[in-house]
C-alpha atoms as a PDB file:
ATOM      1  CA  GLN A   1       5.709 -11.006 -16.670  1.00  0.00           C
ATOM      2  CA  VAL A   2       4.069  -8.688 -14.148  1.00  0.00           C
ATOM      3  CA  GLN A   3       6.565  -6.795 -11.980  1.00  0.00           C
ATOM      4  CA  LEU A   4       5.917  -4.512  -9.018  1.00  0.00           C
ATOM      5  CA  GLU A   5       8.321  -1.992  -7.596  1.00  0.00           C
ATOM      6  CA  GLU A   6       7.815   0.000  -4.429  1.00  0.00           C
ATOM      7  CA  SER A   7       9.252   3.329  -3.494  1.00  0.00           C
ATOM      8  CA  GLY A   8       8.698   6.045  -0.909  1.00  0.00           C
ATOM      9  CA  GLY A   9       9.858   4.420   2.294  1.00  0.00           C
ATOM     10  CA  GLY A  10      12.123   6.126   4.790  1.00  0.00           C
ATOM     11  CA  LEU A  11      12.727   7.271   8.330  1.00  0.00           C
ATOM     12  CA  VAL A  12      10.173   9.615   9.860  1.00  0.00           C
ATOM     13  CA  GLN A  13       9.075  10.837  13.273  1.00  0.00           C
ATOM     14  CA  ALA A  14       5.916   9.689  14.973  1.00  0.00           C
ATOM     15  CA  GLY A  15       2.967  11.771  13.711  1.00  0.00           C
ATOM     16  CA  ASP A  16       4.513  12.331  10.275  1.00  0.00           C
ATOM     17  CA  SER A  17       3.198  11.162   6.921  1.00  0.00           C
ATOM     18  CA  LEU A  18       4.624   9.079   4.069  1.00  0.00           C
ATOM     19  CA  ARG A  19       3.322   8.010   0.725  1.00  0.00           C
ATOM     20  CA  LEU A  20       4.384   4.672  -0.720  1.00  0.00           C
ATOM     21  CA  LEU A  21       4.188   4.001  -4.447  1.00  0.00           C
ATOM     22  CA  CYS A  22       3.928   0.668  -6.275  1.00  0.00           C
ATOM     23  CA  ALA A  23       4.681   0.891  -9.987  1.00  0.00           C
ATOM     24  CA  VAL A  24       3.282  -1.999 -11.992  1.00  0.00           C
ATOM     25  CA  SER A  25       4.732  -3.185 -15.309  1.00  0.00           C
ATOM     26  CA  GLY A  26       3.775  -6.070 -17.591  1.00  0.00           C
ATOM     27  CA  GLY A  27       0.084  -5.864 -16.713  1.00  0.00           C
ATOM     28  CA  SER A  28      -2.810  -3.496 -16.184  1.00  0.00           C
ATOM     29  CA  LEU A  29      -3.975  -2.475 -12.731  1.00  0.00           C
ATOM     30  CA  SER A  30      -7.597  -3.138 -13.672  1.00  0.00           C
ATOM     31  CA  GLU A  31      -6.837  -6.875 -14.084  1.00  0.00           C
ATOM     32  CA  TYR A  32      -5.835  -7.413 -10.494  1.00  0.00           C
ATOM     33  CA  THR A  33      -6.663  -6.969  -6.833  1.00  0.00           C
ATOM     34  CA  LEU A  34      -4.071  -4.567  -5.450  1.00  0.00           C
ATOM     35  CA  ALA A  35      -2.867  -4.740  -1.853  1.00  0.00           C
ATOM     36  CA  TRP A  36      -0.253  -3.615   0.683  1.00  0.00           C
ATOM     37  CA  PHE A  37       1.242  -5.849   3.349  1.00  0.00           C
ATOM     38  CA  ARG A  38       3.895  -5.225   5.957  1.00  0.00           C
ATOM     39  CA  GLN A  39       6.316  -7.277   8.021  1.00  0.00           C
ATOM     40  CA  ALA A  40       7.813  -6.039  11.222  1.00  0.00           C
ATOM     41  CA  PRO A  41      10.982  -7.611  12.671  1.00  0.00           C
ATOM     42  CA  GLY A  42      10.292 -10.989  14.190  1.00  0.00           C
ATOM     43  CA  LYS A  43       6.666 -11.006  13.015  1.00  0.00           C
ATOM     44  CA  GLU A  44       4.766 -12.549  10.165  1.00  0.00           C
ATOM     45  CA  ARG A  45       3.753 -10.519   7.141  1.00  0.00           C
ATOM     46  CA  GLU A  46       0.345  -8.939   7.715  1.00  0.00           C
ATOM     47  CA  PHE A  47      -2.380  -7.391   5.648  1.00  0.00           C
ATOM     48  CA  VAL A  48      -2.612  -3.557   5.571  1.00  0.00           C
ATOM     49  CA  ALA A  49      -4.992  -2.455   2.770  1.00  0.00           C
ATOM     50  CA  VAL A  50      -6.608  -3.712  -0.459  1.00  0.00           C
ATOM     51  CA  ILE A  51      -8.532  -2.556  -3.516  1.00  0.00           C
ATOM     52  CA  PRO A  52     -10.359  -5.601  -4.965  1.00  0.00           C
ATOM     53  CA  TRP A  53     -10.417  -5.831  -8.764  1.00  0.00           C
ATOM     54  CA  PHE A  54     -14.177  -6.319  -8.755  1.00  0.00           C
ATOM     55  CA  SER A  55     -15.015  -3.339  -6.551  1.00  0.00           C
ATOM     56  CA  GLY A  56     -13.961   0.214  -5.797  1.00  0.00           C
ATOM     57  CA  THR A  57     -14.366  -0.407  -2.093  1.00  0.00           C
ATOM     58  CA  MET A  58     -11.139  -0.357  -0.104  1.00  0.00           C
ATOM     59  CA  TYR A  59     -10.555  -2.446   2.968  1.00  0.00           C
ATOM     60  CA  TYR A  60      -8.075  -1.849   5.790  1.00  0.00           C
ATOM     61  CA  ALA A  61      -6.554  -3.582   8.774  1.00  0.00           C
ATOM     62  CA  ASP A  62      -8.053  -2.283  12.002  1.00  0.00           C
ATOM     63  CA  SER A  63      -4.659  -1.054  13.075  1.00  0.00           C
ATOM     64  CA  VAL A  64      -4.410   1.416  10.202  1.00  0.00           C
ATOM     65  CA  LYS A  65      -8.046   2.313   9.573  1.00  0.00           C
ATOM     66  CA  GLY A  66      -8.591   6.061   9.545  1.00  0.00           C
ATOM     67  CA  ARG A  67      -4.843   6.752   9.106  1.00  0.00           C
ATOM     68  CA  PHE A  68      -3.871   4.963   5.890  1.00  0.00           C
ATOM     69  CA  THR A  69      -5.450   5.296   2.446  1.00  0.00           C
ATOM     70  CA  ILE A  70      -4.915   2.981  -0.539  1.00  0.00           C
ATOM     71  CA  SER A  71      -5.528   4.453  -3.974  1.00  0.00           C
ATOM     72  CA  ARG A  72      -4.705   3.803  -7.610  1.00  0.00           C
ATOM     73  CA  ASP A  73      -3.910   5.719 -10.762  1.00  0.00           C
ATOM     74  CA  ASP A  74      -4.664   3.606 -13.795  1.00  0.00           C
ATOM     75  CA  THR A  75      -3.159   6.102 -16.190  1.00  0.00           C
ATOM     76  CA  GLU A  76       0.211   5.743 -14.346  1.00  0.00           C
ATOM     77  CA  ASN A  77      -0.268   2.034 -13.689  1.00  0.00           C
ATOM     78  CA  THR A  78       0.664   2.817 -10.114  1.00  0.00           C
ATOM     79  CA  PHE A  79      -1.031   2.397  -6.756  1.00  0.00           C
ATOM     80  CA  TYR A  80      -0.313   4.120  -3.524  1.00  0.00           C
ATOM     81  CA  LEU A  81      -0.457   3.889   0.254  1.00  0.00           C
ATOM     82  CA  GLN A  82      -0.853   7.236   1.966  1.00  0.00           C
ATOM     83  CA  MET A  83       0.169   6.880   5.595  1.00  0.00           C
ATOM     84  CA  ASN A  84      -0.750   9.600   8.050  1.00  0.00           C
ATOM     85  CA  SER A  85      -0.268   9.955  11.827  1.00  0.00           C
ATOM     86  CA  LEU A  86       2.464   7.326  11.764  1.00  0.00           C
ATOM     87  CA  LYS A  87       3.272   5.449  14.906  1.00  0.00           C
ATOM     88  CA  ALA A  88       6.355   3.564  16.033  1.00  0.00           C
ATOM     89  CA  GLU A  89       4.410   0.312  15.666  1.00  0.00           C
ATOM     90  CA  ASP A  90       3.990   1.013  11.986  1.00  0.00           C
ATOM     91  CA  THR A  91       7.721   0.373  11.521  1.00  0.00           C
ATOM     92  CA  ALA A  92       8.065  -2.482   9.013  1.00  0.00           C
ATOM     93  CA  VAL A  93       9.013  -3.491   5.514  1.00  0.00           C
ATOM     94  CA  TYR A  94       6.044  -2.644   3.321  1.00  0.00           C
ATOM     95  CA  SER A  95       5.338  -4.720   0.243  1.00  0.00           C
ATOM     96  CA  CYS A  96       2.839  -4.238  -2.559  1.00  0.00           C
ATOM     97  CA  ALA A  97       1.085  -7.198  -4.090  1.00  0.00           C
ATOM     98  CA  ALA A  98      -1.232  -7.972  -6.987  1.00  0.00           C
ATOM     99  CA  GLY A  99      -3.252 -10.990  -7.943  1.00  0.00           C
ATOM    100  CA  MET A 100      -6.645 -12.657  -7.896  1.00  0.00           C
ATOM    101  CA  PRO A 101      -6.908 -13.740  -4.271  1.00  0.00           C
ATOM    102  CA  THR A 102      -9.728 -15.909  -2.958  1.00  0.00           C
ATOM    103  CA  ARG A 103      -9.256 -14.250   0.380  1.00  0.00           C
ATOM    104  CA  LEU A 104      -8.267 -10.575   0.181  1.00  0.00           C
ATOM    105  CA  THR A 105      -6.158 -10.580   3.314  1.00  0.00           C
ATOM    106  CA  ARG A 106      -4.238 -13.808   2.755  1.00  0.00           C
ATOM    107  CA  VAL A 107      -0.598 -13.429   1.870  1.00  0.00           C
ATOM    108  CA  SER A 108      -0.349 -16.716  -0.009  1.00  0.00           C
ATOM    109  CA  ASP A 109      -3.213 -15.837  -2.349  1.00  0.00           C
ATOM    110  CA  TYR A 110      -1.170 -13.075  -4.053  1.00  0.00           C
ATOM    111  CA  LEU A 111       0.893 -14.007  -7.122  1.00  0.00           C
ATOM    112  CA  TYR A 112       2.934 -10.880  -7.712  1.00  0.00           C
ATOM    113  CA  TRP A 113       5.038  -9.031  -5.132  1.00  0.00           C
ATOM    114  CA  GLY A 114       7.395  -6.097  -4.952  1.00  0.00           C
ATOM    115  CA  GLN A 115      10.726  -6.259  -3.219  1.00  0.00           C
ATOM    116  CA  GLY A 116       9.609  -4.224  -0.242  1.00  0.00           C
ATOM    117  CA  THR A 117      10.454  -0.808   1.136  1.00  0.00           C
ATOM    118  CA  GLN A 118      11.524  -0.008   4.692  1.00  0.00           C
ATOM    119  CA  VAL A 119       9.412   2.354   6.774  1.00  0.00           C
ATOM    120  CA  THR A 120      10.854   3.350  10.126  1.00  0.00           C
ATOM    121  CA  VAL A 121       8.961   5.546  12.548  1.00  0.00           C
ATOM    122  CA  ALA A 122      10.956   7.037  15.391  1.00  0.00           C
ATOM    123  CA  SER A 123       9.053   7.712  18.568  1.00  0.00           C
END
């Protein structure tokens, strides 16, 4: 059974940086597309970033492009979301996901999910 566990969330000031981690157990990173999503209060879960299993090319939501970086460490079976220049509108619960999605940005296409970690950015 594949399990994902996030860590690294917290409360920061606007302009600060945070790095989120997603530790994967029960499966190898190379077998799956790896992604980050987030859900702000009162809003639907939305796509943030992805590394497809078939490509080393990363893709990002327009709202985070140039500020966030997704990466992976296969030796640690962990993937990351480096978040720089954080804004108040980045406040959300961030969740990591893994799977074999047909559509990389579609929430329902991902089979495995972490429990989520809160990121709060004070303005």
